Structure formats: C-alpha cells, structure tokens
Amino acid sequence: MTERAQGEPRFPLLARAYAPLVALLLTALLTALVRRPLRAFDTYFHLRFGEEFRRDWSIAHPGQLSSASTNDWVPTQWLSQVALARIDDSSGTTGLVLAFAAVVVAFVAATYLLLRRHAGPGIAITLTVVVVLGCLPSLSLRPQLLSYLFLVAVLAAWDGARTTGRPPWALIPLGWLWATCHGMWLIGVAACGLLAVLVVVERRPRRTGALALLAVPAGMLLAALVTPVGPRLLTAVLLVNSRADYFAEWAAPELITVAAAPVTVLAAAAVLLLVRRTDVRPYDLGLLAMGGAFALYSDRTVPLALVTLAAVVAPGLSRWSAHRPVARTELAVALGLAAVVIAVAPNQGLVDDSADRVRPFTARLDALPAGTRVLTDWPVGGVLLRLDPGLDIPLHGYGDVYTDAELERYADLDHLEPGWDRTLAALAPGAALLPNDAPLAYALERDGWSVEQRTEELVLLAPPAS
C-alpha cells in the first residue's frame, strides 16, 4: 500500500464531490430565499420615498410625508430608492424579485471568490454557507443589501493590494456610489482606512507608495462628500446612534443565541486559528478586530462581521488542505448556478410578503377621504405608505424624518406611557390600524373607538363620532 502524499485527502472521491454537493444545497437555499424579497416592511417605504424623489423631492432638501414628522433630514439612500421605484414602475413585482435575486447572488458569489483566494473549494463553500445562514434575517429587498456587497468589494480590493502593493483606486468611485445607496458608506470608508494602514504597516513601502495607499480611503471620503447631498451626509450618519433605542436593528446584538450562532462560531474559530498560527501578521489581527467590532456594534452590522471573520478563518483552515487556484470549470459551474437562481426567481410565488396582512383592509382604507390620518405601528405604517399614498401615515418606521423628541413621543404612545393621550389628541387620527394584541388598540377600544374590521393579526378602528 502506497503512502498517501502530503496534503492529499484521505477520501479523495468524497473530497471532490463535497464542494459541488454543498454548492447545490446553497443554490437550493438561495432559490427559496429569493421568494421572500418583500418580507421586510422597509421595502415598501423605500419604494414610496423613491417615488417621491422621482416626482418632485429635492435630493438636497427632501420633503415630508406627514406633518407628524418635522426633522430636517438628509437622504442617505436616495439612489437605491429611486432605482427600486423605477424597477417597480416598469416591471412590477417581477422586476423587484429579479433585482433582489441578482444582488443576493452577487453578494454570495463575491463572498465565495473572496474566500476562495485563500482556501480550497470545500472550505470556501462551507464558509460561504455559514455567512449566508448568518445573514438570512437581514437578506431582503432593502438598500442595506448593497452595503454587504460593497464591503466584500473593499475586502477583496485590499486583499489584492496586500499582495501587489498597488493602491485599489477603484474604491474611490465605489465610495461615491455607496454614499448614494446606503447610510453604511461611512463604515466602508472606515474599513478602507484601517485596511490601508495595515497594508502600509505590513509592506513598509516607500513614502510615495504609502501615501498612494492612504490616499484611497481619503479619496473615498471626498467622493462621498461630493454627492448631491454634500457634506451633510456626515451629520446624517452620526445621527443614527441616537436612534438605537427606537429601532432594534441598531441595538447591540445578543450573540449567545441560536440566530447568532454563525457569527459566534466564526469569531471563536478566527481567534483559535490565529492563536495556532505562527505567521500571524498585523493585517490578520486588524481583520479580526474589525470583524469583532462589526459583531458587537449592532444587528445591522452582523452581516459585515460574518464576511470579515470568514476572511480571517479561510486562510487558517486552508493550512489543512491543498489549495489550488480557481479553475475555469469551477468558475463556469459557479456562474451556471448563479444563473439558475436568477432565472428561476420570477417563476416562483412570493411568500412572507409583509403587505399580505394589510391587504384585507384595502377596501375600507380606500373608502376613507384623501388625507385621512391613519394611526399605525411602524411595520403597518411602512406598508401603507406605498399601498395607499393618499392617506396620511404619521408612523412608518423611516426614522430619519423624525426628531428625537417625536420618536420619544411616539414610542410612549405605543407603550401607553404617561402623556400618550396628549400625543394621540395632537395626531387626531381619523382611523387606526393596529395589531390585535397592541396595548394601544385595547386602550382605543376601551375609550370608545369602534371596530370596523378585524383579522387574526390586525384590527381597524374608527374614532368616536364626537
């Protein structure tokens, strides 16, 4: 019996079949996922805001959809909102599904290729699956999905610069695009700055080379500040920190849960693998620190943490298996599977549409006079913004348009905190569409509001005639 060559797998047939099988399972998962582009109510208010920008809103000084919100807000994702509204207007739900499928597939494929640079197909596809599983709660048709894709581009660009020493100038126009598409553009600039410093520390180029590398994040920042919104983008991003108390996505995540298992496992694996390595360099430690910061900052940045930590884990695991460059056949298979997901997407029925629970009330809502103010919670209000633009929806979940005082008042209204009745009187709604189990719905019924229609989830209430 001949001795097995170093680096050769113990079961070569299983090793060759493993990556294609996992790739097929991932394709099936993505095919199921793209049936759920509208599961987040945010998609609907993004469509409404995009439509307003297409009509007459100024990007520099946009308007308001209700007198119940008065903040002098700054649009941080106007281009993606306009694009969504155009797609919806021209191609309807089919176009939205295709757009969602295309961006999701691009994100997954880019993640795989990033990891494949440092690991074999089996390790790269396994880590990609872990990343996708961890991202599932965040994958819906919202502008933030572009931020996940753009971060992969930043990581890939600096991974290449680490090898070649050449500045990734393409990130500068990406900075402009990112700043028009989503508010996490500043995180991308910060990540770019950290990685640029790490590459300089690791490669120790001459002064001109170092300055060229450091010019990339500076160029990204400048490009972001010359968008149609201008320097006000910086103040808009800093405002987000004051909103974490009102929107769960910006609160710190709970990492000791089943849902957080993928990011927790990747973080633990990254630490253990770096401890065991003897060739750890500043860049590796910087990636670990960045991934940990993303994991701790908020629920919305957990997908960024997953990608970053997977990029730390991949080189460590590759030491235990043979690593070969991407072959043309492998690339062709990946492109073929991606094409399958996109081609199948519009031919499936949608599920988990957040508007489905609102649609039974359409007839009664349409019968209300134009401009009627309808009291809702954030999710229902977000959907109604798009489904019935003739109504005045004071609460809809797009936090940028509210002042901190308004957010506090509306949170107190939702929880029946002292002063809620004064807020209700100031809003003077002509109807209310609320969850059946909402304390506010119970309080309104107790105070004489009549039930106009009820489903298992929502109740439509009318105020007393007086």
Protein backbone atom coordinates (compact mmCIF):
# COMPACT_ATOMS: atom_id res chain seq x y z
CA MET A 1 0.00 0.00 0.00
CA THR A 2 1.49 3.32 -1.03
CA GLU A 3 1.79 6.13 1.48
CA ARG A 4 -0.65 8.99 1.00
CA ALA A 5 1.03 12.13 -0.36
CA GLN A 6 1.18 15.15 1.93
CA GLY A 7 -1.89 17.34 1.51
CA GLU A 8 -3.89 14.64 -0.29
CA PRO A 9 -7.30 13.93 1.29
CA ARG A 10 -7.93 10.59 2.98
CA PHE A 11 -11.09 10.05 0.89
CA PRO A 12 -10.37 11.70 -2.48
CA LEU A 13 -13.73 10.85 -4.10
CA LEU A 14 -15.66 12.36 -1.20
CA ALA A 15 -13.37 15.39 -1.22
CA ARG A 16 -14.06 16.00 -4.91
CA ALA A 17 -17.81 15.59 -4.52
CA TYR A 18 -18.15 17.65 -1.33
CA ALA A 19 -17.89 21.17 -2.79
CA PRO A 20 -20.31 20.56 -5.70
CA LEU A 21 -22.87 18.99 -3.34
CA VAL A 22 -22.70 21.89 -0.89
CA ALA A 23 -22.91 24.31 -3.82
CA LEU A 24 -26.13 22.62 -4.95
CA LEU A 25 -27.56 22.88 -1.43
CA LEU A 26 -26.62 26.55 -1.33
CA THR A 27 -28.31 27.07 -4.71
CA ALA A 28 -31.49 25.48 -3.34
CA LEU A 29 -31.32 27.74 -0.29
CA LEU A 30 -30.91 30.85 -2.43
CA THR A 31 -33.74 29.73 -4.73
CA ALA A 32 -36.02 29.57 -1.68
CA LEU A 33 -34.71 32.87 -0.32
CA VAL A 34 -35.44 34.90 -3.46
CA ARG A 35 -39.14 34.12 -2.99
CA ARG A 36 -39.04 36.44 0.04
CA PRO A 37 -37.88 39.85 -1.25
CA LEU A 38 -40.74 41.74 0.43
CA ARG A 39 -40.69 40.13 3.86
CA ALA A 40 -39.35 43.34 5.47
CA PHE A 41 -41.86 46.20 5.67
CA ASP A 42 -38.97 48.61 4.99
CA THR A 43 -39.09 47.71 1.30
CA TYR A 44 -42.45 49.41 0.96
CA PHE A 45 -41.45 52.74 2.46
CA HIS A 46 -38.24 52.69 0.38
CA LEU A 47 -40.45 52.33 -2.71
CA ARG A 48 -42.58 55.29 -1.59
CA PHE A 49 -39.57 57.50 -0.86
CA GLY A 50 -38.06 56.56 -4.23
CA GLU A 51 -41.27 57.58 -5.95
CA GLU A 52 -41.24 60.94 -4.17
CA PHE A 53 -37.67 61.58 -5.32
CA ARG A 54 -38.70 60.70 -8.86
CA ARG A 55 -41.54 63.22 -8.73
CA ASP A 56 -40.55 66.47 -7.12
CA TRP A 57 -38.46 65.97 -3.99
CA SER A 58 -35.06 67.67 -3.95
CA ILE A 59 -32.17 65.38 -3.01
CA ALA A 60 -30.51 68.21 -1.11
CA HIS A 61 -33.72 69.22 0.71
CA PRO A 62 -36.39 66.50 0.58
CA GLY A 63 -39.92 66.92 1.86
CA GLN A 64 -42.11 65.19 4.43
CA LEU A 65 -44.93 62.70 4.02
CA SER A 66 -46.76 63.81 7.15
CA SER A 67 -46.88 66.84 9.41
CA ALA A 68 -46.25 64.40 12.26
CA SER A 69 -42.55 64.29 11.28
CA THR A 70 -40.57 67.53 11.15
CA ASN A 71 -36.87 66.65 11.19
CA ASP A 72 -34.64 68.41 8.66
CA TRP A 73 -33.43 65.06 7.38
CA VAL A 74 -30.72 64.09 4.91
CA PRO A 75 -31.33 61.31 2.33
CA THR A 76 -28.60 58.68 2.61
CA GLN A 77 -30.00 56.11 0.17
CA TRP A 78 -31.81 58.11 -2.46
CA LEU A 79 -30.24 56.44 -5.50
CA SER A 80 -31.16 52.90 -4.44
CA GLN A 81 -34.67 54.08 -3.54
CA VAL A 82 -35.11 55.71 -6.94
CA ALA A 83 -33.82 52.57 -8.64
CA LEU A 84 -36.30 50.40 -6.72
CA ALA A 85 -39.17 52.72 -7.60
CA ARG A 86 -38.20 52.69 -11.30
CA ILE A 87 -37.99 48.90 -11.33
CA ASP A 88 -41.37 48.61 -9.63
CA ASP A 89 -42.92 51.11 -12.03
CA SER A 90 -41.56 49.42 -15.16
CA SER A 91 -41.58 45.73 -14.25
CA GLY A 92 -43.66 45.40 -11.09
CA THR A 93 -43.10 42.57 -8.67
CA THR A 94 -41.26 40.52 -11.29
CA GLY A 95 -38.62 43.22 -11.62
CA LEU A 96 -38.27 43.55 -7.85
CA VAL A 97 -37.78 39.81 -7.49
CA LEU A 98 -35.13 39.80 -10.23
CA ALA A 99 -33.33 42.75 -8.65
CA PHE A 100 -33.31 41.01 -5.27
CA ALA A 101 -32.09 37.74 -6.78
CA ALA A 102 -29.32 39.49 -8.71
CA VAL A 103 -27.95 41.38 -5.69
CA VAL A 104 -28.16 38.36 -3.38
CA VAL A 105 -26.39 36.14 -5.91
CA ALA A 106 -23.73 38.82 -6.46
CA PHE A 107 -23.15 39.06 -2.70
CA VAL A 108 -22.87 35.29 -2.26
CA ALA A 109 -20.66 34.80 -5.33
CA ALA A 110 -18.37 37.68 -4.31
CA THR A 111 -18.06 36.23 -0.81
CA TYR A 112 -17.13 32.81 -2.20
CA LEU A 113 -14.50 34.25 -4.54
CA LEU A 114 -13.03 36.32 -1.70
CA LEU A 115 -12.65 33.23 0.48
CA ARG A 116 -11.51 31.10 -2.45
CA ARG A 117 -8.37 33.21 -2.76
CA HIS A 118 -7.02 31.62 0.40
CA ALA A 119 -8.79 28.26 0.66
CA GLY A 120 -9.86 25.31 -1.45
CA PRO A 121 -13.38 24.94 -2.84
CA GLY A 122 -14.62 22.82 0.08
CA ILE A 123 -13.56 25.28 2.76
CA ALA A 124 -14.65 28.33 0.74
CA ILE A 125 -18.13 26.99 0.01
CA THR A 126 -18.60 25.83 3.61
CA LEU A 127 -17.70 29.24 4.98
CA THR A 128 -19.93 30.89 2.38
CA VAL A 129 -22.86 28.80 3.60
CA VAL A 130 -22.13 29.86 7.20
CA VAL A 131 -22.09 33.50 6.10
CA VAL A 132 -25.39 33.14 4.22
CA LEU A 133 -27.07 31.38 7.17
CA GLY A 134 -25.97 34.16 9.49
CA CYS A 135 -27.19 36.81 7.05
CA LEU A 136 -30.64 35.29 6.45
CA PRO A 137 -32.50 37.60 8.88
CA SER A 138 -31.04 40.61 7.05
CA LEU A 139 -31.49 39.49 3.45
CA SER A 140 -34.49 41.28 1.95
CA LEU A 141 -35.00 43.89 -0.75
CA ARG A 142 -33.51 46.87 1.08
CA PRO A 143 -30.64 49.22 0.26
CA GLN A 144 -28.52 47.79 3.09
CA LEU A 145 -28.02 44.66 0.98
CA LEU A 146 -25.79 46.76 -1.26
CA SER A 147 -23.64 47.69 1.74
CA TYR A 148 -22.94 43.99 2.34
CA LEU A 149 -21.87 43.57 -1.28
CA PHE A 150 -19.74 46.72 -1.24
CA LEU A 151 -17.89 45.61 1.90
CA VAL A 152 -16.91 42.37 0.14
CA ALA A 153 -15.51 44.54 -2.66
CA VAL A 154 -13.49 46.56 -0.13
CA LEU A 155 -12.08 43.40 1.49
CA ALA A 156 -11.22 41.88 -1.89
CA ALA A 157 -9.54 45.08 -3.10
CA TRP A 158 -7.29 45.38 -0.07
CA ASP A 159 -6.54 41.68 -0.09
CA GLY A 160 -5.17 42.22 -3.58
CA ALA A 161 -3.30 45.35 -2.54
CA ARG A 162 -1.73 43.39 0.30
CA THR A 163 -0.20 41.06 -2.28
CA THR A 164 0.71 43.50 -5.04
CA GLY A 165 1.26 46.75 -3.16
CA ARG A 166 -0.80 48.62 -5.77
CA PRO A 167 -3.44 51.06 -4.47
CA PRO A 168 -7.03 49.90 -5.22
CA TRP A 169 -8.10 53.13 -6.92
CA ALA A 170 -11.43 51.61 -7.99
CA LEU A 171 -12.64 52.01 -4.40
CA ILE A 172 -12.84 55.79 -4.82
CA PRO A 173 -15.77 55.75 -7.30
CA LEU A 174 -17.25 52.95 -5.20
CA GLY A 175 -17.22 55.41 -2.28
CA TRP A 176 -19.36 57.83 -4.29
CA LEU A 177 -21.80 55.08 -5.31
CA TRP A 178 -22.00 53.68 -1.77
CA ALA A 179 -22.77 57.12 -0.32
CA THR A 180 -25.77 57.47 -2.65
CA CYS A 181 -27.11 53.98 -1.95
CA HIS A 182 -26.96 53.41 1.81
CA GLY A 183 -26.01 55.07 5.07
CA MET A 184 -23.37 52.49 5.97
CA TRP A 185 -20.99 54.12 3.48
CA LEU A 186 -19.04 55.63 6.37
CA ILE A 187 -18.38 52.16 7.75
CA GLY A 188 -16.92 51.29 4.35
CA VAL A 189 -14.64 54.33 4.45
CA ALA A 190 -13.53 53.46 7.99
CA ALA A 191 -12.83 49.86 6.98
CA CYS A 192 -10.90 51.09 3.95
CA GLY A 193 -8.82 53.40 6.15
CA LEU A 194 -7.96 50.64 8.61
CA LEU A 195 -7.00 48.18 5.89
CA ALA A 196 -4.88 50.81 4.12
CA VAL A 197 -2.91 51.44 7.32
CA LEU A 198 -2.46 47.70 7.87
CA VAL A 199 -1.15 47.19 4.34
CA VAL A 200 1.31 50.06 4.84
CA VAL A 201 2.47 48.61 8.17
CA GLU A 202 2.84 45.15 6.68
CA ARG A 203 4.54 46.02 3.38
CA ARG A 204 6.52 49.07 4.57
CA PRO A 205 6.57 50.77 1.15
CA ARG A 206 8.43 53.97 0.38
CA ARG A 207 6.82 57.25 1.29
CA THR A 208 5.22 57.77 -2.13
CA GLY A 209 3.83 54.23 -2.09
CA ALA A 210 2.47 54.65 1.42
CA LEU A 211 0.86 57.97 0.55
CA ALA A 212 -0.75 56.43 -2.52
CA LEU A 213 -2.25 53.62 -0.43
CA LEU A 214 -3.53 56.04 2.22
CA ALA A 215 -4.97 58.27 -0.50
CA VAL A 216 -7.58 55.62 -1.33
CA PRO A 217 -9.68 55.95 1.87
CA ALA A 218 -9.22 59.73 1.75
CA GLY A 219 -10.47 59.65 -1.84
CA MET A 220 -13.47 57.52 -0.83
CA LEU A 221 -14.41 60.07 1.83
CA LEU A 222 -14.06 63.01 -0.54
CA ALA A 223 -16.06 61.20 -3.22
CA ALA A 224 -18.85 60.59 -0.72
CA LEU A 225 -18.95 64.25 0.26
CA VAL A 226 -19.37 65.47 -3.33
CA THR A 227 -22.60 63.56 -3.96
CA PRO A 228 -25.71 65.73 -4.49
CA VAL A 229 -26.32 65.64 -0.73
CA GLY A 230 -22.89 67.06 0.07
CA PRO A 231 -21.10 67.18 3.44
CA ARG A 232 -24.41 66.89 5.32
CA LEU A 233 -24.04 63.14 4.82
CA LEU A 234 -21.63 63.06 7.77
CA THR A 235 -24.12 64.56 10.21
CA ALA A 236 -26.84 62.20 8.95
CA VAL A 237 -24.73 59.13 9.71
CA LEU A 238 -23.78 60.37 13.16
CA LEU A 239 -27.48 60.88 13.95
CA VAL A 240 -28.08 57.13 13.69
CA ASN A 241 -26.51 56.46 17.10
CA SER A 242 -29.28 58.41 18.83
CA ARG A 243 -31.94 56.19 17.23
CA ALA A 244 -30.81 52.80 18.58
CA ASP A 245 -33.33 52.98 21.45
CA TYR A 246 -36.23 53.13 18.98
CA PHE A 247 -35.15 50.70 16.24
CA ALA A 248 -33.99 47.21 17.17
CA GLU A 249 -31.68 46.81 14.17
CA TRP A 250 -29.34 49.47 15.52
CA ALA A 251 -29.22 47.99 19.02
CA ALA A 252 -26.31 45.79 20.11
CA PRO A 253 -26.93 42.15 19.12
CA GLU A 254 -27.32 39.23 21.52
CA LEU A 255 -24.52 36.90 20.43
CA ILE A 256 -25.40 33.98 22.72
CA THR A 257 -28.46 32.87 20.76
CA VAL A 258 -29.24 30.32 18.08
CA ALA A 259 -29.71 33.06 15.47
CA ALA A 260 -26.27 34.47 16.27
CA ALA A 261 -24.56 31.07 16.18
CA PRO A 262 -22.88 31.60 12.76
CA VAL A 263 -21.12 34.84 13.76
CA THR A 264 -20.23 33.47 17.20
CA VAL A 265 -18.75 30.31 15.68
CA LEU A 266 -16.76 32.30 13.12
CA ALA A 267 -15.43 34.66 15.79
CA ALA A 268 -14.33 31.76 18.01
CA ALA A 269 -12.77 29.93 15.06
CA ALA A 270 -10.92 33.06 13.95
CA VAL A 271 -9.39 33.55 17.40
CA LEU A 272 -8.39 29.90 17.79
CA LEU A 273 -6.85 29.69 14.33
CA LEU A 274 -4.85 32.87 14.77
CA VAL A 275 -3.56 31.64 18.13
CA ARG A 276 -2.32 28.42 16.48
CA ARG A 277 -0.66 30.16 13.54
CA THR A 278 2.98 31.16 13.65
CA ASP A 279 2.82 33.59 10.73
CA VAL A 280 0.15 35.99 12.03
CA ARG A 281 0.66 39.49 10.68
CA PRO A 282 -0.88 42.89 11.53
CA TYR A 283 -3.36 42.62 8.68
CA ASP A 284 -4.80 39.39 10.13
CA LEU A 285 -5.18 40.94 13.58
CA GLY A 286 -6.76 44.04 12.07
CA LEU A 287 -9.35 41.95 10.21
CA LEU A 288 -10.17 40.11 13.43
CA ALA A 289 -10.59 43.36 15.33
CA MET A 290 -12.77 44.82 12.57
CA GLY A 291 -14.96 41.72 12.43
CA GLY A 292 -15.36 41.78 16.20
CA ALA A 293 -16.33 45.45 16.14
CA PHE A 294 -18.98 44.77 13.49
CA ALA A 295 -20.32 41.86 15.54
CA LEU A 296 -20.67 43.95 18.69
CA TYR A 297 -21.91 47.22 17.17
CA SER A 298 -25.45 46.39 16.02
CA ASP A 299 -27.70 43.76 14.48
CA ARG A 300 -27.46 45.59 11.17
CA THR A 301 -23.65 45.20 11.02
CA VAL A 302 -23.64 41.48 11.87
CA PRO A 303 -23.56 40.53 8.14
CA LEU A 304 -20.43 42.69 7.79
CA ALA A 305 -18.92 40.79 10.71
CA LEU A 306 -19.73 37.44 9.12
CA VAL A 307 -17.92 38.28 5.88
CA THR A 308 -14.92 39.82 7.66
CA LEU A 309 -14.49 36.95 10.13
CA ALA A 310 -14.86 34.36 7.37
CA ALA A 311 -11.98 36.12 5.59
CA VAL A 312 -9.89 35.55 8.74
CA VAL A 313 -10.90 31.91 9.10
CA ALA A 314 -10.34 30.85 5.47
CA PRO A 315 -6.51 31.15 5.43
CA GLY A 316 -6.26 29.34 8.76
CA LEU A 317 -8.32 26.38 7.59
CA SER A 318 -6.53 26.19 4.25
CA ARG A 319 -3.38 25.05 6.03
CA TRP A 320 -5.04 21.67 6.49
CA SER A 321 -5.90 21.08 2.83
CA ALA A 322 -4.45 21.56 -0.62
CA HIS A 323 -5.21 24.95 -2.16
CA ARG A 324 -5.34 25.36 -5.91
CA PRO A 325 -6.26 28.43 -7.97
CA VAL A 326 -9.80 28.78 -9.29
CA ALA A 327 -10.14 26.68 -12.44
CA ARG A 328 -12.24 27.68 -15.43
CA THR A 329 -14.54 24.74 -14.83
CA GLU A 330 -15.14 25.81 -11.24
CA LEU A 331 -15.90 29.36 -12.33
CA ALA A 332 -18.26 28.14 -15.04
CA VAL A 333 -20.15 25.99 -12.54
CA ALA A 334 -20.47 28.91 -10.13
CA LEU A 335 -21.79 31.18 -12.88
CA GLY A 336 -24.19 28.48 -14.02
CA LEU A 337 -25.65 28.01 -10.54
CA ALA A 338 -25.98 31.77 -10.12
CA ALA A 339 -27.82 31.98 -13.45
CA VAL A 340 -30.19 29.22 -12.30
CA VAL A 341 -31.17 31.16 -9.18
CA ILE A 342 -31.81 34.35 -11.16
CA ALA A 343 -33.69 32.54 -13.93
CA VAL A 344 -35.95 30.64 -11.53
CA ALA A 345 -36.66 33.65 -9.29
CA PRO A 346 -39.55 35.30 -11.21
CA ASN A 347 -41.29 31.98 -11.81
CA GLN A 348 -41.97 31.31 -8.13
CA GLY A 349 -44.81 32.55 -5.99
CA LEU A 350 -43.92 35.12 -3.36
CA VAL A 351 -44.10 34.19 0.32
CA ASP A 352 -43.65 36.24 3.51
CA ASP A 353 -44.90 39.42 1.86
CA SER A 354 -45.22 41.92 4.72
CA ALA A 355 -48.17 43.58 2.94
CA ASP A 356 -50.33 40.44 2.97
CA ARG A 357 -51.73 41.15 6.42
CA VAL A 358 -52.65 44.72 5.41
CA ARG A 359 -54.33 43.93 2.08
CA PRO A 360 -57.63 42.62 3.62
CA PHE A 361 -58.27 46.20 4.77
CA THR A 362 -57.68 47.79 1.37
CA ALA A 363 -61.35 48.38 0.52
CA ARG A 364 -62.14 50.17 3.78
CA LEU A 365 -58.94 52.20 3.70
CA ASP A 366 -59.59 53.27 0.10
CA ALA A 367 -63.05 54.49 1.17
CA LEU A 368 -61.53 56.96 3.65
CA PRO A 369 -61.33 60.59 2.48
CA ALA A 370 -58.00 61.59 0.93
CA GLY A 371 -55.55 62.84 3.53
CA THR A 372 -57.14 60.93 6.41
CA ARG A 373 -54.58 60.37 9.13
CA VAL A 374 -54.33 56.66 10.00
CA LEU A 375 -52.62 55.64 13.24
CA THR A 376 -50.46 52.52 12.91
CA ASP A 377 -47.36 50.90 14.31
CA TRP A 378 -44.06 51.12 12.36
CA PRO A 379 -44.49 47.96 10.19
CA VAL A 380 -48.10 48.61 9.17
CA GLY A 381 -47.35 52.27 8.52
CA GLY A 382 -44.37 51.40 6.33
CA VAL A 383 -46.55 49.20 4.15
CA LEU A 384 -49.40 51.71 3.94
CA LEU A 385 -47.05 54.42 2.70
CA ARG A 386 -46.79 52.51 -0.56
CA LEU A 387 -50.14 50.71 -0.75
CA ASP A 388 -52.29 53.80 -0.11
CA PRO A 389 -50.31 57.01 -0.77
CA GLY A 390 -53.46 59.12 -0.45
CA LEU A 391 -53.56 58.59 3.32
CA ASP A 392 -51.56 60.47 5.94
CA ILE A 393 -49.42 57.92 7.79
CA PRO A 394 -47.67 59.55 10.78
CA LEU A 395 -45.80 56.43 11.96
CA HIS A 396 -43.99 54.42 9.28
CA GLY A 397 -40.55 53.44 10.53
CA TYR A 398 -38.30 55.66 8.38
CA GLY A 399 -36.53 57.09 11.40
CA ASP A 400 -34.53 59.82 9.65
CA VAL A 401 -37.58 62.04 9.18
CA TYR A 402 -38.36 62.27 12.91
CA THR A 403 -36.75 64.40 15.59
CA ASP A 404 -35.62 62.64 18.76
CA ALA A 405 -38.50 64.25 20.65
CA GLU A 406 -41.01 62.92 18.12
CA LEU A 407 -39.56 59.43 18.31
CA GLU A 408 -39.82 59.52 22.09
CA ARG A 409 -43.43 60.71 21.99
CA TYR A 410 -44.46 58.03 19.52
CA ALA A 411 -42.67 55.32 21.49
CA ASP A 412 -44.54 56.50 24.60
CA LEU A 413 -47.79 56.38 22.62
CA ASP A 414 -47.12 52.80 21.55
CA HIS A 415 -46.36 51.71 25.13
CA LEU A 416 -49.10 53.84 26.77
CA GLU A 417 -46.54 55.78 28.79
CA PRO A 418 -47.69 58.95 30.60
CA GLY A 419 -48.63 61.59 28.07
CA TRP A 420 -49.72 59.13 25.38
CA ASP A 421 -53.25 60.54 25.36
CA ARG A 422 -51.94 64.05 24.61
CA THR A 423 -49.90 62.68 21.69
CA LEU A 424 -53.00 60.89 20.41
CA ALA A 425 -55.06 64.06 20.64
CA ALA A 426 -52.36 66.02 18.79
CA LEU A 427 -52.28 63.47 15.98
CA ALA A 428 -56.10 63.42 15.77
CA PRO A 429 -56.24 60.30 13.57
CA GLY A 430 -59.34 59.52 11.56
CA ALA A 431 -58.70 55.76 11.83
CA ALA A 432 -56.29 53.30 13.39
CA LEU A 433 -54.92 50.04 12.01
CA LEU A 434 -53.06 48.22 14.75
CA PRO A 435 -52.04 44.72 15.84
CA ASN A 436 -54.81 42.95 17.75
CA ASP A 437 -52.60 42.45 20.78
CA ALA A 438 -51.24 46.02 20.88
CA PRO A 439 -51.87 47.82 24.19
CA LEU A 440 -52.80 50.92 22.19
CA ALA A 441 -55.53 49.03 20.31
CA TYR A 442 -57.00 47.84 23.61
CA ALA A 443 -56.87 51.37 25.04
CA LEU A 444 -58.63 52.83 21.99
CA GLU A 445 -61.43 50.25 22.17
CA ARG A 446 -61.80 50.96 25.87
CA ASP A 447 -62.11 54.67 25.12
CA GLY A 448 -64.96 54.17 22.65
CA TRP A 449 -63.27 53.54 19.30
CA SER A 450 -65.38 51.16 17.23
CA VAL A 451 -64.11 48.05 15.45
CA GLU A 452 -64.64 48.40 11.70
CA GLN A 453 -62.85 45.20 10.65
CA ARG A 454 -60.69 42.58 12.31
CA THR A 455 -58.43 39.76 11.11
CA GLU A 456 -56.30 37.34 13.08
CA GLU A 457 -53.46 39.89 13.15
CA LEU A 458 -54.85 43.42 12.80
CA VAL A 459 -57.85 45.50 13.78
CA LEU A 460 -59.20 48.60 12.01
CA LEU A 461 -60.68 51.12 14.43
CA ALA A 462 -62.73 54.29 13.94
CA PRO A 463 -62.78 57.13 16.49
CA PRO A 464 -65.92 58.05 18.42
CA ALA A 465 -68.35 60.15 16.42
CA SER A 466 -67.92 63.09 18.77
